[in-house]
Amino acid sequence: MGRRRRRVIRIVKRTLPKVFSCPRCGVIAVRVSRTGDSDTVACGSCGLKYSYSPPPKKENIDLYNEFVDMFMAGKVGA
């Protein structure tokens, strides 16, 4: 008689997204691009854009959240 096989349990590691939804048009097309002298948050669909200069030392998701907060306050775009 053989012994029972043990069931393999896989642990799924969740990662942060790289593409976000646009607060103006609602399309999932906002990317955060990082260069040496500035960070830019831009929508590929409607062209909404904001540039951080000098770049803060934050994660992409934090820059996106600040971008959405500024848009809702009326400081970015129109």
PDB file of N, CA and C in Angstrom:
ATOM      1  N   MET A   1       0.827  -1.171   0.000  1.00  0.00           N
ATOM      2  CA  MET A   1       0.000   0.000   0.000  1.00  0.00           C
ATOM      3  C   MET A   1       0.878   1.242   0.000  1.00  0.00           C
ATOM      4  N   GLY A   2       0.476   2.204  -0.816  1.00  0.00           N
ATOM      5  CA  GLY A   2       1.209   3.463  -0.871  1.00  0.00           C
ATOM      6  C   GLY A   2       0.669   4.457   0.141  1.00  0.00           C
ATOM      7  N   ARG A   3       1.454   5.451   0.376  1.00  0.00           N
ATOM      8  CA  ARG A   3       0.969   6.456   1.315  1.00  0.00           C
ATOM      9  C   ARG A   3       0.265   7.579   0.562  1.00  0.00           C
ATOM     10  N   ARG A   4      -0.519   8.354   1.269  1.00  0.00           N
ATOM     11  CA  ARG A   4      -1.287   9.425   0.642  1.00  0.00           C
ATOM     12  C   ARG A   4      -0.370  10.578   0.264  1.00  0.00           C
ATOM     13  N   ARG A   5      -0.658  11.173  -0.883  1.00  0.00           N
ATOM     14  CA  ARG A   5       0.118  12.334  -1.315  1.00  0.00           C
ATOM     15  C   ARG A   5      -0.288  13.544  -0.489  1.00  0.00           C
ATOM     16  N   ARG A   6       0.685  14.324  -0.138  1.00  0.00           N
ATOM     17  CA  ARG A   6       0.416  15.544   0.606  1.00  0.00           C
ATOM     18  C   ARG A   6       0.034  16.651  -0.376  1.00  0.00           C
ATOM     19  N   ARG A   7      -0.970  17.409  -0.046  1.00  0.00           N
ATOM     20  CA  ARG A   7      -1.450  18.469  -0.915  1.00  0.00           C
ATOM     21  C   ARG A   7      -0.502  19.674  -0.845  1.00  0.00           C
ATOM     22  N   VAL A   8      -0.117  20.205  -1.989  1.00  0.00           N
ATOM     23  CA  VAL A   8       0.781  21.350  -2.045  1.00  0.00           C
ATOM     24  C   VAL A   8      -0.049  22.624  -1.967  1.00  0.00           C
ATOM     25  N   ILE A   9       0.259  23.467  -1.009  1.00  0.00           N
ATOM     26  CA  ILE A   9      -0.439  24.732  -0.839  1.00  0.00           C
ATOM     27  C   ILE A   9       0.474  25.837  -1.341  1.00  0.00           C
ATOM     28  N   ARG A  10       0.028  26.542  -2.383  1.00  0.00           N
ATOM     29  CA  ARG A  10       0.822  27.621  -2.946  1.00  0.00           C
ATOM     30  C   ARG A  10       0.415  28.940  -2.306  1.00  0.00           C
ATOM     31  N   ILE A  11       1.409  29.714  -1.906  1.00  0.00           N
ATOM     32  CA  ILE A  11       1.155  31.020  -1.320  1.00  0.00           C
ATOM     33  C   ILE A  11       1.318  32.058  -2.426  1.00  0.00           C
ATOM     34  N   VAL A  12       0.268  32.815  -2.690  1.00  0.00           N
ATOM     35  CA  VAL A  12       0.288  33.821  -3.748  1.00  0.00           C
ATOM     36  C   VAL A  12       0.743  35.142  -3.152  1.00  0.00           C
ATOM     37  N   LYS A  13       1.829  35.684  -3.656  1.00  0.00           N
ATOM     38  CA  LYS A  13       2.333  36.975  -3.202  1.00  0.00           C
ATOM     39  C   LYS A  13       1.680  38.069  -4.037  1.00  0.00           C
ATOM     40  N   ARG A  14       1.017  39.007  -3.416  1.00  0.00           N
ATOM     41  CA  ARG A  14       0.364  40.103  -4.124  1.00  0.00           C
ATOM     42  C   ARG A  14       1.374  41.222  -4.359  1.00  0.00           C
ATOM     43  N   THR A  15       1.263  41.862  -5.525  1.00  0.00           N
ATOM     44  CA  THR A  15       2.156  42.961  -5.852  1.00  0.00           C
ATOM     45  C   THR A  15       1.332  44.219  -6.114  1.00  0.00           C
ATOM     46  N   LEU A  16       2.000  45.356  -6.044  1.00  0.00           N
ATOM     47  CA  LEU A  16       1.330  46.616  -6.328  1.00  0.00           C
ATOM     48  C   LEU A  16       1.135  46.761  -7.824  1.00  0.00           C
ATOM     49  N   PRO A  17       0.060  47.424  -8.245  1.00  0.00           N
ATOM     50  CA  PRO A  17      -0.181  47.591  -9.687  1.00  0.00           C
ATOM     51  C   PRO A  17       0.806  48.568 -10.313  1.00  0.00           C
ATOM     52  N   LYS A  18       1.008  48.455 -11.620  1.00  0.00           N
ATOM     53  CA  LYS A  18       1.889  49.349 -12.356  1.00  0.00           C
ATOM     54  C   LYS A  18       1.092  50.327 -13.220  1.00  0.00           C
ATOM     55  N   VAL A  19      -0.161  50.007 -13.520  1.00  0.00           N
ATOM     56  CA  VAL A  19      -1.034  50.867 -14.308  1.00  0.00           C
ATOM     57  C   VAL A  19      -2.286  51.141 -13.472  1.00  0.00           C
ATOM     58  N   PHE A  20      -2.691  52.417 -13.436  1.00  0.00           N
ATOM     59  CA  PHE A  20      -3.783  52.839 -12.573  1.00  0.00           C
ATOM     60  C   PHE A  20      -4.926  53.412 -13.404  1.00  0.00           C
ATOM     61  N   SER A  21      -6.072  53.670 -12.757  1.00  0.00           N
ATOM     62  CA  SER A  21      -7.207  54.253 -13.466  1.00  0.00           C
ATOM     63  C   SER A  21      -7.134  55.776 -13.409  1.00  0.00           C
ATOM     64  N   CYS A  22      -7.591  56.406 -14.470  1.00  0.00           N
ATOM     65  CA  CYS A  22      -7.548  57.861 -14.602  1.00  0.00           C
ATOM     66  C   CYS A  22      -8.740  58.477 -13.866  1.00  0.00           C
ATOM     67  N   PRO A  23      -8.503  59.536 -13.078  1.00  0.00           N
ATOM     68  CA  PRO A  23      -9.628  60.166 -12.387  1.00  0.00           C
ATOM     69  C   PRO A  23     -10.529  60.980 -13.326  1.00  0.00           C
ATOM     70  N   ARG A  24     -10.026  61.379 -14.485  1.00  0.00           N
ATOM     71  CA  ARG A  24     -10.827  62.182 -15.423  1.00  0.00           C
ATOM     72  C   ARG A  24     -11.660  61.301 -16.347  1.00  0.00           C
ATOM     73  N   CYS A  25     -11.010  60.357 -17.055  1.00  0.00           N
ATOM     74  CA  CYS A  25     -11.733  59.583 -18.068  1.00  0.00           C
ATOM     75  C   CYS A  25     -12.136  58.182 -17.604  1.00  0.00           C
ATOM     76  N   GLY A  26     -11.560  57.681 -16.504  1.00  0.00           N
ATOM     77  CA  GLY A  26     -11.942  56.382 -15.969  1.00  0.00           C
ATOM     78  C   GLY A  26     -11.262  55.185 -16.615  1.00  0.00           C
ATOM     79  N   VAL A  27     -10.409  55.418 -17.619  1.00  0.00           N
ATOM     80  CA  VAL A  27      -9.715  54.334 -18.311  1.00  0.00           C
ATOM     81  C   VAL A  27      -8.491  53.930 -17.493  1.00  0.00           C
ATOM     82  N   ILE A  28      -8.178  52.649 -17.481  1.00  0.00           N
ATOM     83  CA  ILE A  28      -6.988  52.184 -16.776  1.00  0.00           C
ATOM     84  C   ILE A  28      -5.792  52.413 -17.690  1.00  0.00           C
ATOM     85  N   ALA A  29      -5.222  53.628 -17.624  1.00  0.00           N
ATOM     86  CA  ALA A  29      -4.145  54.005 -18.529  1.00  0.00           C
ATOM     87  C   ALA A  29      -3.157  54.979 -17.901  1.00  0.00           C
ATOM     88  N   VAL A  30      -3.140  55.121 -16.587  1.00  0.00           N
ATOM     89  CA  VAL A  30      -2.228  56.059 -15.928  1.00  0.00           C
ATOM     90  C   VAL A  30      -0.974  55.314 -15.498  1.00  0.00           C
ATOM     91  N   ARG A  31       0.170  55.857 -15.918  1.00  0.00           N
ATOM     92  CA  ARG A  31       1.461  55.291 -15.545  1.00  0.00           C
ATOM     93  C   ARG A  31       2.290  56.338 -14.818  1.00  0.00           C
ATOM     94  N   VAL A  32       3.144  55.874 -13.927  1.00  0.00           N
ATOM     95  CA  VAL A  32       4.090  56.741 -13.247  1.00  0.00           C
ATOM     96  C   VAL A  32       5.454  56.440 -13.835  1.00  0.00           C
ATOM     97  N   SER A  33       6.048  57.444 -14.504  1.00  0.00           N
ATOM     98  CA  SER A  33       7.382  57.246 -15.088  1.00  0.00           C
ATOM     99  C   SER A  33       8.390  58.026 -14.273  1.00  0.00           C
ATOM    100  N   ARG A  34       9.506  57.391 -13.993  1.00  0.00           N
ATOM    101  CA  ARG A  34      10.547  57.989 -13.166  1.00  0.00           C
ATOM    102  C   ARG A  34      11.794  58.225 -14.012  1.00  0.00           C
ATOM    103  N   THR A  35      12.255  59.467 -13.999  1.00  0.00           N
ATOM    104  CA  THR A  35      13.526  59.808 -14.623  1.00  0.00           C
ATOM    105  C   THR A  35      14.414  60.411 -13.552  1.00  0.00           C
ATOM    106  N   GLY A  36      15.620  60.772 -13.913  1.00  0.00           N
ATOM    107  CA  GLY A  36      16.561  61.282 -12.920  1.00  0.00           C
ATOM    108  C   GLY A  36      16.164  62.599 -12.305  1.00  0.00           C
ATOM    109  N   ASP A  37      15.585  63.507 -13.096  1.00  0.00           N
ATOM    110  CA  ASP A  37      15.306  64.847 -12.586  1.00  0.00           C
ATOM    111  C   ASP A  37      13.836  65.102 -12.254  1.00  0.00           C
ATOM    112  N   SER A  38      12.926  64.219 -12.665  1.00  0.00           N
ATOM    113  CA  SER A  38      11.512  64.413 -12.333  1.00  0.00           C
ATOM    114  C   SER A  38      10.749  63.105 -12.440  1.00  0.00           C
ATOM    115  N   ASP A  39       9.609  63.074 -11.754  1.00  0.00           N
ATOM    116  CA  ASP A  39       8.666  61.955 -11.849  1.00  0.00           C
ATOM    117  C   ASP A  39       7.411  62.487 -12.519  1.00  0.00           C
ATOM    118  N   THR A  40       6.848  61.717 -13.449  1.00  0.00           N
ATOM    119  CA  THR A  40       5.681  62.155 -14.190  1.00  0.00           C
ATOM    120  C   THR A  40       4.566  61.131 -14.060  1.00  0.00           C
ATOM    121  N   VAL A  41       3.361  61.627 -13.761  1.00  0.00           N
ATOM    122  CA  VAL A  41       2.153  60.805 -13.734  1.00  0.00           C
ATOM    123  C   VAL A  41       1.325  61.240 -14.932  1.00  0.00           C
ATOM    124  N   ALA A  42       1.046  60.318 -15.875  1.00  0.00           N
ATOM    125  CA  ALA A  42       0.356  60.700 -17.099  1.00  0.00           C
ATOM    126  C   ALA A  42      -0.635  59.626 -17.519  1.00  0.00           C
ATOM    127  N   CYS A  43      -1.762  60.091 -18.088  1.00  0.00           N
ATOM    128  CA  CYS A  43      -2.779  59.195 -18.631  1.00  0.00           C
ATOM    129  C   CYS A  43      -2.514  59.033 -20.124  1.00  0.00           C
ATOM    130  N   GLY A  44      -2.491  57.825 -20.606  1.00  0.00           N
ATOM    131  CA  GLY A  44      -2.263  57.565 -22.016  1.00  0.00           C
ATOM    132  C   GLY A  44      -3.505  57.753 -22.857  1.00  0.00           C
ATOM    133  N   SER A  45      -4.670  57.859 -22.235  1.00  0.00           N
ATOM    134  CA  SER A  45      -5.916  57.999 -22.979  1.00  0.00           C
ATOM    135  C   SER A  45      -6.308  59.461 -23.189  1.00  0.00           C
ATOM    136  N   CYS A  46      -6.444  60.217 -22.100  1.00  0.00           N
ATOM    137  CA  CYS A  46      -6.931  61.602 -22.222  1.00  0.00           C
ATOM    138  C   CYS A  46      -5.820  62.644 -22.169  1.00  0.00           C
ATOM    139  N   GLY A  47      -4.599  62.238 -21.809  1.00  0.00           N
ATOM    140  CA  GLY A  47      -3.473  63.167 -21.810  1.00  0.00           C
ATOM    141  C   GLY A  47      -3.307  63.955 -20.527  1.00  0.00           C
ATOM    142  N   LEU A  48      -4.044  63.652 -19.474  1.00  0.00           N
ATOM    143  CA  LEU A  48      -3.893  64.318 -18.186  1.00  0.00           C
ATOM    144  C   LEU A  48      -2.502  64.021 -17.651  1.00  0.00           C
ATOM    145  N   LYS A  49      -1.770  65.059 -17.210  1.00  0.00           N
ATOM    146  CA  LYS A  49      -0.379  64.862 -16.840  1.00  0.00           C
ATOM    147  C   LYS A  49      -0.010  65.769 -15.673  1.00  0.00           C
ATOM    148  N   TYR A  50       0.872  65.256 -14.788  1.00  0.00           N
ATOM    149  CA  TYR A  50       1.436  66.059 -13.716  1.00  0.00           C
ATOM    150  C   TYR A  50       2.869  65.608 -13.510  1.00  0.00           C
ATOM    151  N   SER A  51       3.744  66.580 -13.271  1.00  0.00           N
ATOM    152  CA  SER A  51       5.161  66.275 -13.105  1.00  0.00           C
ATOM    153  C   SER A  51       5.633  66.737 -11.736  1.00  0.00           C
ATOM    154  N   TYR A  52       6.336  65.872 -11.017  1.00  0.00           N
ATOM    155  CA  TYR A  52       6.926  66.205  -9.729  1.00  0.00           C
ATOM    156  C   TYR A  52       8.376  66.591  -9.964  1.00  0.00           C
ATOM    157  N   SER A  53       8.756  67.801  -9.569  1.00  0.00           N
ATOM    158  CA  SER A  53      10.148  68.225  -9.735  1.00  0.00           C
ATOM    159  C   SER A  53      10.526  69.078  -8.542  1.00  0.00           C
ATOM    160  N   PRO A  54      11.490  68.759  -7.745  1.00  0.00           N
ATOM    161  CA  PRO A  54      12.311  67.555  -7.724  1.00  0.00           C
ATOM    162  C   PRO A  54      11.491  66.349  -7.258  1.00  0.00           C
ATOM    163  N   PRO A  55      11.887  65.164  -7.695  1.00  0.00           N
ATOM    164  CA  PRO A  55      11.084  63.978  -7.383  1.00  0.00           C
ATOM    165  C   PRO A  55      11.141  63.618  -5.897  1.00  0.00           C
ATOM    166  N   PRO A  56       9.988  63.374  -5.284  1.00  0.00           N
ATOM    167  CA  PRO A  56       9.977  62.899  -3.904  1.00  0.00           C
ATOM    168  C   PRO A  56      10.372  61.428  -3.849  1.00  0.00           C
ATOM    169  N   LYS A  57      10.887  61.005  -2.739  1.00  0.00           N
ATOM    170  CA  LYS A  57      11.303  59.609  -2.589  1.00  0.00           C
ATOM    171  C   LYS A  57      10.119  58.804  -2.041  1.00  0.00           C
ATOM    172  N   LYS A  58       9.179  58.504  -2.944  1.00  0.00           N
ATOM    173  CA  LYS A  58       7.980  57.752  -2.582  1.00  0.00           C
ATOM    174  C   LYS A  58       7.747  56.657  -3.603  1.00  0.00           C
ATOM    175  N   GLU A  59       6.884  55.726  -3.246  1.00  0.00           N
ATOM    176  CA  GLU A  59       6.501  54.645  -4.152  1.00  0.00           C
ATOM    177  C   GLU A  59       5.565  55.184  -5.233  1.00  0.00           C
ATOM    178  N   ASN A  60       5.427  54.420  -6.325  1.00  0.00           N
ATOM    179  CA  ASN A  60       4.553  54.824  -7.431  1.00  0.00           C
ATOM    180  C   ASN A  60       3.105  55.001  -6.981  1.00  0.00           C
ATOM    181  N   ILE A  61       2.624  54.118  -6.126  1.00  0.00           N
ATOM    182  CA  ILE A  61       1.238  54.189  -5.670  1.00  0.00           C
ATOM    183  C   ILE A  61       1.001  55.456  -4.857  1.00  0.00           C
ATOM    184  N   ASP A  62       2.002  55.900  -4.094  1.00  0.00           N
ATOM    185  CA  ASP A  62       1.875  57.126  -3.308  1.00  0.00           C
ATOM    186  C   ASP A  62       1.820  58.351  -4.213  1.00  0.00           C
ATOM    187  N   LEU A  63       2.640  58.370  -5.269  1.00  0.00           N
ATOM    188  CA  LEU A  63       2.612  59.472  -6.229  1.00  0.00           C
ATOM    189  C   LEU A  63       1.264  59.524  -6.948  1.00  0.00           C
ATOM    190  N   TYR A  64       0.732  58.368  -7.311  1.00  0.00           N
ATOM    191  CA  TYR A  64      -0.577  58.305  -7.964  1.00  0.00           C
ATOM    192  C   TYR A  64      -1.673  58.834  -7.038  1.00  0.00           C
ATOM    193  N   ASN A  65      -1.642  58.441  -5.761  1.00  0.00           N
ATOM    194  CA  ASN A  65      -2.664  58.891  -4.814  1.00  0.00           C
ATOM    195  C   ASN A  65      -2.610  60.404  -4.615  1.00  0.00           C
ATOM    196  N   GLU A  66      -1.395  60.988  -4.555  1.00  0.00           N
ATOM    197  CA  GLU A  66      -1.272  62.445  -4.459  1.00  0.00           C
ATOM    198  C   GLU A  66      -1.829  63.113  -5.713  1.00  0.00           C
ATOM    199  N   PHE A  67      -1.572  62.503  -6.870  1.00  0.00           N
ATOM    200  CA  PHE A  67      -2.065  63.007  -8.147  1.00  0.00           C
ATOM    201  C   PHE A  67      -3.589  63.040  -8.155  1.00  0.00           C
ATOM    202  N   VAL A  68      -4.231  61.983  -7.700  1.00  0.00           N
ATOM    203  CA  VAL A  68      -5.690  61.922  -7.657  1.00  0.00           C
ATOM    204  C   VAL A  68      -6.234  62.949  -6.665  1.00  0.00           C
ATOM    205  N   ASP A  69      -5.583  63.094  -5.518  1.00  0.00           N
ATOM    206  CA  ASP A  69      -6.029  64.082  -4.531  1.00  0.00           C
ATOM    207  C   ASP A  69      -5.948  65.500  -5.100  1.00  0.00           C
ATOM    208  N   MET A  70      -4.865  65.817  -5.824  1.00  0.00           N
ATOM    209  CA  MET A  70      -4.729  67.144  -6.430  1.00  0.00           C
ATOM    210  C   MET A  70      -5.750  67.356  -7.534  1.00  0.00           C
ATOM    211  N   PHE A  71      -6.073  66.304  -8.300  1.00  0.00           N
ATOM    212  CA  PHE A  71      -7.083  66.412  -9.328  1.00  0.00           C
ATOM    213  C   PHE A  71      -8.459  66.686  -8.716  1.00  0.00           C
ATOM    214  N   MET A  72      -8.792  65.976  -7.656  1.00  0.00           N
ATOM    215  CA  MET A  72     -10.088  66.170  -7.011  1.00  0.00           C
ATOM    216  C   MET A  72     -10.197  67.553  -6.372  1.00  0.00           C
ATOM    217  N   ALA A  73      -9.061  68.113  -5.944  1.00  0.00           N
ATOM    218  CA  ALA A  73      -9.057  69.457  -5.358  1.00  0.00           C
ATOM    219  C   ALA A  73      -9.073  70.544  -6.425  1.00  0.00           C
ATOM    220  N   GLY A  74      -8.874  70.174  -7.699  1.00  0.00           N
ATOM    221  CA  GLY A  74      -8.898  71.137  -8.783  1.00  0.00           C
ATOM    222  C   GLY A  74      -7.566  71.771  -9.093  1.00  0.00           C
ATOM    223  N   LYS A  75      -6.461  71.211  -8.583  1.00  0.00           N
ATOM    224  CA  LYS A  75      -5.129  71.771  -8.801  1.00  0.00           C
ATOM    225  C   LYS A  75      -4.464  71.220 -10.056  1.00  0.00           C
ATOM    226  N   VAL A  76      -4.952  70.093 -10.571  1.00  0.00           N
ATOM    227  CA  VAL A  76      -4.391  69.469 -11.776  1.00  0.00           C
ATOM    228  C   VAL A  76      -5.508  69.340 -12.800  1.00  0.00           C
ATOM    229  N   GLY A  77      -5.214  69.700 -14.051  1.00  0.00           N
ATOM    230  CA  GLY A  77      -6.214  69.557 -15.109  1.00  0.00           C
ATOM    231  C   GLY A  77      -7.391  70.494 -14.898  1.00  0.00           C
ATOM    232  N   ALA A  78      -8.376  70.294 -15.720  1.00  0.00           N
ATOM    233  CA  ALA A  78      -9.578  71.122 -15.560  1.00  0.00           C
ATOM    234  C   ALA A  78     -10.780  70.439 -16.164  1.00  0.00           C
TER     235      ALA A  78
END
